[in-house]
Amino acid sequence: MLFHVTEPKSEKAKITIGDNVFIAPRVLITTATHNIESSFQRASSKTVHKPVKIDDGCWIGANVTILPGVHIGKGCVIGAGAVVNKDCEPNGVYVGVPAKRIKDLKE
């Protein structure tokens, strides 16, 4: 698993992982990004930090990328190779780029 946290002591850059979470190989969880600026330099020089939270009972598949500010709800399955750029509601299967809910799961 790869973590990209540029301010490890900051609450803004916090990664929270619940109980009974399975995380497959080569998962990237990042809490840092940049705002889009002018054509001179699209990525602003200031880093923006947003926390990531993964609730209890989730399964994160291989090669998943979880972007800053995402909250993955309890009991979610994130399919291999997905890019999670928005919050995931509890008990669902999310796949693709960007990740989309394709199935509801029983609690």
N, C-alpha and C. Protein backbone atom coordinates (compact mmCIF):
# COMPACT_ATOMS: atom_id res chain seq x y z
N MET A 1 0.84 -1.16 0.00
CA MET A 1 0.00 0.00 0.00
C MET A 1 0.89 1.23 0.00
N LEU A 2 0.49 2.23 -0.75
CA LEU A 2 1.23 3.47 -0.83
C LEU A 2 0.42 4.60 -0.22
N PHE A 3 1.06 5.40 0.60
CA PHE A 3 0.42 6.57 1.16
C PHE A 3 1.16 7.80 0.67
N HIS A 4 0.43 8.85 0.34
CA HIS A 4 1.04 10.11 -0.05
C HIS A 4 0.49 11.17 0.90
N VAL A 5 1.22 11.40 1.97
CA VAL A 5 0.82 12.38 2.97
C VAL A 5 1.98 13.35 3.13
N THR A 6 1.78 14.61 2.76
CA THR A 6 2.87 15.57 2.82
C THR A 6 2.94 16.31 4.14
N GLU A 7 1.86 16.27 4.91
CA GLU A 7 1.84 16.87 6.24
C GLU A 7 1.31 15.84 7.23
N PRO A 8 2.14 14.86 7.63
CA PRO A 8 1.65 13.74 8.42
C PRO A 8 1.07 14.11 9.78
N LYS A 9 1.39 15.26 10.33
CA LYS A 9 0.86 15.64 11.64
C LYS A 9 -0.37 16.52 11.53
N SER A 10 -0.81 16.84 10.34
CA SER A 10 -1.94 17.72 10.13
C SER A 10 -3.25 16.93 10.10
N GLU A 11 -4.29 17.44 10.76
CA GLU A 11 -5.62 16.83 10.69
C GLU A 11 -6.17 16.90 9.27
N LYS A 12 -5.75 17.91 8.52
CA LYS A 12 -6.20 18.06 7.14
C LYS A 12 -5.72 16.91 6.27
N ALA A 13 -4.60 16.31 6.63
CA ALA A 13 -4.00 15.25 5.82
C ALA A 13 -4.18 13.87 6.45
N LYS A 14 -5.13 13.74 7.36
CA LYS A 14 -5.31 12.50 8.11
C LYS A 14 -5.93 11.40 7.25
N ILE A 15 -5.40 10.18 7.40
CA ILE A 15 -5.98 8.98 6.80
C ILE A 15 -6.53 8.14 7.93
N THR A 16 -7.84 7.85 7.89
CA THR A 16 -8.47 7.05 8.93
C THR A 16 -8.99 5.77 8.29
N ILE A 17 -8.56 4.63 8.85
CA ILE A 17 -8.98 3.32 8.33
C ILE A 17 -9.66 2.58 9.46
N GLY A 18 -10.91 2.16 9.24
CA GLY A 18 -11.72 1.49 10.25
C GLY A 18 -11.27 0.06 10.51
N ASP A 19 -12.07 -0.63 11.29
CA ASP A 19 -11.81 -2.03 11.65
C ASP A 19 -12.23 -2.96 10.52
N ASN A 20 -11.55 -4.10 10.44
CA ASN A 20 -11.88 -5.17 9.49
C ASN A 20 -11.88 -4.70 8.03
N VAL A 21 -10.94 -3.83 7.71
CA VAL A 21 -10.78 -3.33 6.34
C VAL A 21 -9.69 -4.16 5.66
N PHE A 22 -9.99 -4.70 4.49
CA PHE A 22 -9.00 -5.43 3.69
C PHE A 22 -8.51 -4.50 2.60
N ILE A 23 -7.19 -4.34 2.51
CA ILE A 23 -6.58 -3.50 1.48
C ILE A 23 -5.60 -4.35 0.68
N ALA A 24 -5.89 -4.49 -0.60
CA ALA A 24 -5.08 -5.32 -1.48
C ALA A 24 -3.77 -4.62 -1.85
N PRO A 25 -2.88 -5.32 -2.54
CA PRO A 25 -1.60 -4.73 -2.94
C PRO A 25 -1.76 -3.53 -3.88
N ARG A 26 -0.81 -2.64 -3.81
CA ARG A 26 -0.63 -1.49 -4.72
C ARG A 26 -1.78 -0.48 -4.67
N VAL A 27 -2.37 -0.32 -3.50
CA VAL A 27 -3.40 0.70 -3.32
C VAL A 27 -2.70 2.02 -2.99
N LEU A 28 -3.14 3.11 -3.62
CA LEU A 28 -2.60 4.44 -3.35
C LEU A 28 -3.68 5.27 -2.67
N ILE A 29 -3.36 5.79 -1.49
CA ILE A 29 -4.24 6.70 -0.78
C ILE A 29 -3.49 8.01 -0.65
N THR A 30 -4.03 9.07 -1.25
CA THR A 30 -3.34 10.35 -1.23
C THR A 30 -4.22 11.42 -0.59
N THR A 31 -3.60 12.28 0.19
CA THR A 31 -4.33 13.37 0.86
C THR A 31 -3.89 14.74 0.35
N ALA A 32 -3.05 14.77 -0.65
CA ALA A 32 -2.53 16.04 -1.15
C ALA A 32 -2.88 16.23 -2.62
N THR A 33 -3.21 17.48 -2.97
CA THR A 33 -3.52 17.82 -4.35
C THR A 33 -3.17 19.30 -4.57
N HIS A 34 -3.50 19.81 -5.73
CA HIS A 34 -3.26 21.22 -6.05
C HIS A 34 -4.49 21.79 -6.73
N ASN A 35 -4.73 23.06 -6.58
CA ASN A 35 -5.78 23.74 -7.32
C ASN A 35 -5.31 23.95 -8.76
N ILE A 36 -6.25 24.05 -9.69
CA ILE A 36 -5.91 24.32 -11.08
C ILE A 36 -5.78 25.83 -11.25
N GLU A 37 -4.68 26.24 -11.85
CA GLU A 37 -4.38 27.66 -12.04
C GLU A 37 -4.32 28.00 -13.53
N SER A 38 -3.65 29.09 -13.86
CA SER A 38 -3.58 29.58 -15.23
C SER A 38 -2.75 28.64 -16.12
N SER A 39 -2.79 28.90 -17.43
CA SER A 39 -2.06 28.07 -18.38
C SER A 39 -0.55 28.16 -18.22
N PHE A 40 -0.07 29.20 -17.55
CA PHE A 40 1.36 29.31 -17.28
C PHE A 40 1.85 28.14 -16.45
N GLN A 41 1.06 27.77 -15.43
CA GLN A 41 1.38 26.63 -14.57
C GLN A 41 0.05 26.12 -14.01
N ARG A 42 -0.47 25.04 -14.56
CA ARG A 42 -1.80 24.56 -14.19
C ARG A 42 -1.90 24.14 -12.72
N ALA A 43 -0.90 23.46 -12.20
CA ALA A 43 -0.93 23.05 -10.78
C ALA A 43 -0.40 24.19 -9.94
N SER A 44 -1.23 24.68 -9.02
CA SER A 44 -0.77 25.77 -8.16
C SER A 44 0.41 25.32 -7.33
N SER A 45 1.24 26.27 -6.92
CA SER A 45 2.42 25.92 -6.13
C SER A 45 2.04 25.57 -4.70
N LYS A 46 0.84 25.95 -4.26
CA LYS A 46 0.39 25.63 -2.91
C LYS A 46 -0.29 24.27 -2.89
N THR A 47 0.13 23.41 -1.97
CA THR A 47 -0.48 22.10 -1.81
C THR A 47 -1.74 22.22 -0.97
N VAL A 48 -2.79 21.53 -1.41
CA VAL A 48 -4.06 21.50 -0.68
C VAL A 48 -4.18 20.12 -0.04
N HIS A 49 -4.54 20.08 1.24
CA HIS A 49 -4.65 18.81 1.97
C HIS A 49 -6.10 18.53 2.33
N LYS A 50 -6.52 17.28 2.12
CA LYS A 50 -7.87 16.85 2.48
C LYS A 50 -7.78 15.44 3.06
N PRO A 51 -8.50 15.17 4.15
CA PRO A 51 -8.42 13.85 4.78
C PRO A 51 -9.11 12.77 3.94
N VAL A 52 -8.76 11.52 4.22
CA VAL A 52 -9.41 10.36 3.62
C VAL A 52 -9.88 9.46 4.76
N LYS A 53 -11.11 8.96 4.63
CA LYS A 53 -11.65 8.07 5.66
C LYS A 53 -12.25 6.83 4.99
N ILE A 54 -11.86 5.66 5.51
CA ILE A 54 -12.41 4.38 5.06
C ILE A 54 -13.07 3.74 6.27
N ASP A 55 -14.38 3.54 6.20
CA ASP A 55 -15.14 3.00 7.33
C ASP A 55 -14.96 1.49 7.47
N ASP A 56 -15.49 0.96 8.56
CA ASP A 56 -15.37 -0.46 8.91
C ASP A 56 -15.88 -1.38 7.80
N GLY A 57 -15.23 -2.54 7.70
CA GLY A 57 -15.71 -3.62 6.87
C GLY A 57 -15.53 -3.47 5.37
N CYS A 58 -14.75 -2.51 4.92
CA CYS A 58 -14.55 -2.30 3.48
C CYS A 58 -13.50 -3.25 2.91
N TRP A 59 -13.58 -3.46 1.61
CA TRP A 59 -12.59 -4.23 0.87
C TRP A 59 -12.14 -3.36 -0.28
N ILE A 60 -10.87 -3.01 -0.28
CA ILE A 60 -10.28 -2.16 -1.31
C ILE A 60 -9.43 -3.05 -2.22
N GLY A 61 -9.80 -3.17 -3.48
CA GLY A 61 -9.13 -4.06 -4.42
C GLY A 61 -7.76 -3.57 -4.85
N ALA A 62 -7.04 -4.43 -5.54
CA ALA A 62 -5.68 -4.13 -6.00
C ALA A 62 -5.66 -2.93 -6.94
N ASN A 63 -4.61 -2.15 -6.82
CA ASN A 63 -4.35 -1.01 -7.72
C ASN A 63 -5.41 0.08 -7.67
N VAL A 64 -6.14 0.18 -6.58
CA VAL A 64 -7.13 1.25 -6.41
C VAL A 64 -6.40 2.54 -6.04
N THR A 65 -6.88 3.66 -6.55
CA THR A 65 -6.39 4.98 -6.17
C THR A 65 -7.52 5.71 -5.46
N ILE A 66 -7.24 6.19 -4.24
CA ILE A 66 -8.21 6.95 -3.47
C ILE A 66 -7.68 8.37 -3.35
N LEU A 67 -8.44 9.33 -3.89
CA LEU A 67 -8.00 10.71 -3.98
C LEU A 67 -8.38 11.51 -2.73
N PRO A 68 -7.77 12.68 -2.54
CA PRO A 68 -7.99 13.49 -1.35
C PRO A 68 -9.46 13.85 -1.12
N GLY A 69 -9.86 13.84 0.17
CA GLY A 69 -11.19 14.27 0.56
C GLY A 69 -12.27 13.21 0.46
N VAL A 70 -11.91 11.98 0.11
CA VAL A 70 -12.89 10.91 -0.09
C VAL A 70 -13.23 10.23 1.24
N HIS A 71 -14.53 9.90 1.40
CA HIS A 71 -15.02 9.10 2.52
C HIS A 71 -15.68 7.86 1.93
N ILE A 72 -15.14 6.69 2.24
CA ILE A 72 -15.70 5.43 1.77
C ILE A 72 -16.53 4.85 2.91
N GLY A 73 -17.84 4.73 2.67
CA GLY A 73 -18.78 4.31 3.70
C GLY A 73 -18.62 2.85 4.09
N LYS A 74 -19.20 2.52 5.23
CA LYS A 74 -19.12 1.18 5.83
C LYS A 74 -19.55 0.10 4.84
N GLY A 75 -18.75 -0.98 4.78
CA GLY A 75 -19.12 -2.16 4.01
C GLY A 75 -18.99 -2.06 2.51
N CYS A 76 -18.26 -1.09 2.01
CA CYS A 76 -18.08 -0.95 0.56
C CYS A 76 -17.03 -1.89 0.01
N VAL A 77 -17.20 -2.27 -1.23
CA VAL A 77 -16.19 -2.99 -2.00
C VAL A 77 -15.78 -2.07 -3.14
N ILE A 78 -14.48 -1.82 -3.24
CA ILE A 78 -13.95 -0.99 -4.33
C ILE A 78 -13.17 -1.92 -5.26
N GLY A 79 -13.65 -2.05 -6.49
CA GLY A 79 -13.06 -2.99 -7.44
C GLY A 79 -11.67 -2.61 -7.89
N ALA A 80 -10.90 -3.62 -8.26
CA ALA A 80 -9.51 -3.45 -8.67
C ALA A 80 -9.39 -2.39 -9.76
N GLY A 81 -8.40 -1.51 -9.60
CA GLY A 81 -8.09 -0.50 -10.59
C GLY A 81 -8.97 0.74 -10.56
N ALA A 82 -9.93 0.79 -9.65
CA ALA A 82 -10.83 1.94 -9.59
C ALA A 82 -10.09 3.19 -9.12
N VAL A 83 -10.59 4.35 -9.56
CA VAL A 83 -10.11 5.64 -9.07
C VAL A 83 -11.28 6.29 -8.34
N VAL A 84 -11.15 6.40 -7.01
CA VAL A 84 -12.23 6.92 -6.18
C VAL A 84 -11.98 8.42 -5.98
N ASN A 85 -12.83 9.24 -6.61
CA ASN A 85 -12.66 10.69 -6.53
C ASN A 85 -13.83 11.37 -5.81
N LYS A 86 -14.83 10.58 -5.39
CA LYS A 86 -15.99 11.11 -4.66
C LYS A 86 -16.36 10.14 -3.55
N ASP A 87 -17.13 10.62 -2.59
CA ASP A 87 -17.57 9.78 -1.48
C ASP A 87 -18.36 8.58 -1.99
N CYS A 88 -18.23 7.46 -1.25
CA CYS A 88 -18.96 6.24 -1.56
C CYS A 88 -19.96 5.98 -0.44
N GLU A 89 -21.23 5.86 -0.78
CA GLU A 89 -22.26 5.56 0.21
C GLU A 89 -22.08 4.14 0.72
N PRO A 90 -22.50 3.86 1.96
CA PRO A 90 -22.28 2.53 2.56
C PRO A 90 -22.87 1.38 1.74
N ASN A 91 -22.24 0.21 1.92
CA ASN A 91 -22.74 -1.07 1.40
C ASN A 91 -23.00 -1.07 -0.10
N GLY A 92 -21.98 -0.70 -0.85
CA GLY A 92 -22.09 -0.73 -2.31
C GLY A 92 -20.81 -1.23 -2.94
N VAL A 93 -20.92 -1.69 -4.17
CA VAL A 93 -19.76 -2.07 -4.97
C VAL A 93 -19.50 -0.92 -5.93
N TYR A 94 -18.26 -0.43 -5.94
CA TYR A 94 -17.85 0.69 -6.79
C TYR A 94 -16.72 0.23 -7.69
N VAL A 95 -16.81 0.51 -8.99
CA VAL A 95 -15.78 0.12 -9.94
C VAL A 95 -15.58 1.22 -10.97
N GLY A 96 -14.42 1.18 -11.65
CA GLY A 96 -14.19 2.04 -12.80
C GLY A 96 -13.41 3.31 -12.52
N VAL A 97 -13.24 4.07 -13.61
CA VAL A 97 -12.50 5.32 -13.59
C VAL A 97 -13.37 6.39 -14.23
N PRO A 98 -13.97 7.27 -13.45
CA PRO A 98 -13.97 7.29 -11.98
C PRO A 98 -14.89 6.21 -11.43
N ALA A 99 -14.70 5.88 -10.16
CA ALA A 99 -15.49 4.82 -9.53
C ALA A 99 -16.97 5.18 -9.48
N LYS A 100 -17.82 4.23 -9.87
CA LYS A 100 -19.27 4.41 -9.83
C LYS A 100 -19.90 3.20 -9.15
N ARG A 101 -20.98 3.45 -8.44
CA ARG A 101 -21.70 2.38 -7.75
C ARG A 101 -22.44 1.53 -8.79
N ILE A 102 -22.18 0.20 -8.73
CA ILE A 102 -22.83 -0.70 -9.68
C ILE A 102 -23.74 -1.71 -9.00
N LYS A 103 -23.62 -1.80 -7.64
CA LYS A 103 -24.41 -2.81 -6.95
C LYS A 103 -24.60 -2.40 -5.50
N ASP A 104 -25.80 -2.66 -4.98
CA ASP A 104 -26.08 -2.50 -3.56
C ASP A 104 -25.80 -3.81 -2.86
N LEU A 105 -25.22 -3.74 -1.67
CA LEU A 105 -24.92 -4.92 -0.88
C LEU A 105 -25.78 -4.93 0.38
N LYS A 106 -26.10 -6.13 0.87
CA LYS A 106 -26.83 -6.26 2.13
C LYS A 106 -25.91 -5.86 3.27
N GLU A 107 -26.52 -5.29 4.31
CA GLU A 107 -25.72 -4.93 5.48
C GLU A 107 -25.42 -6.18 6.24
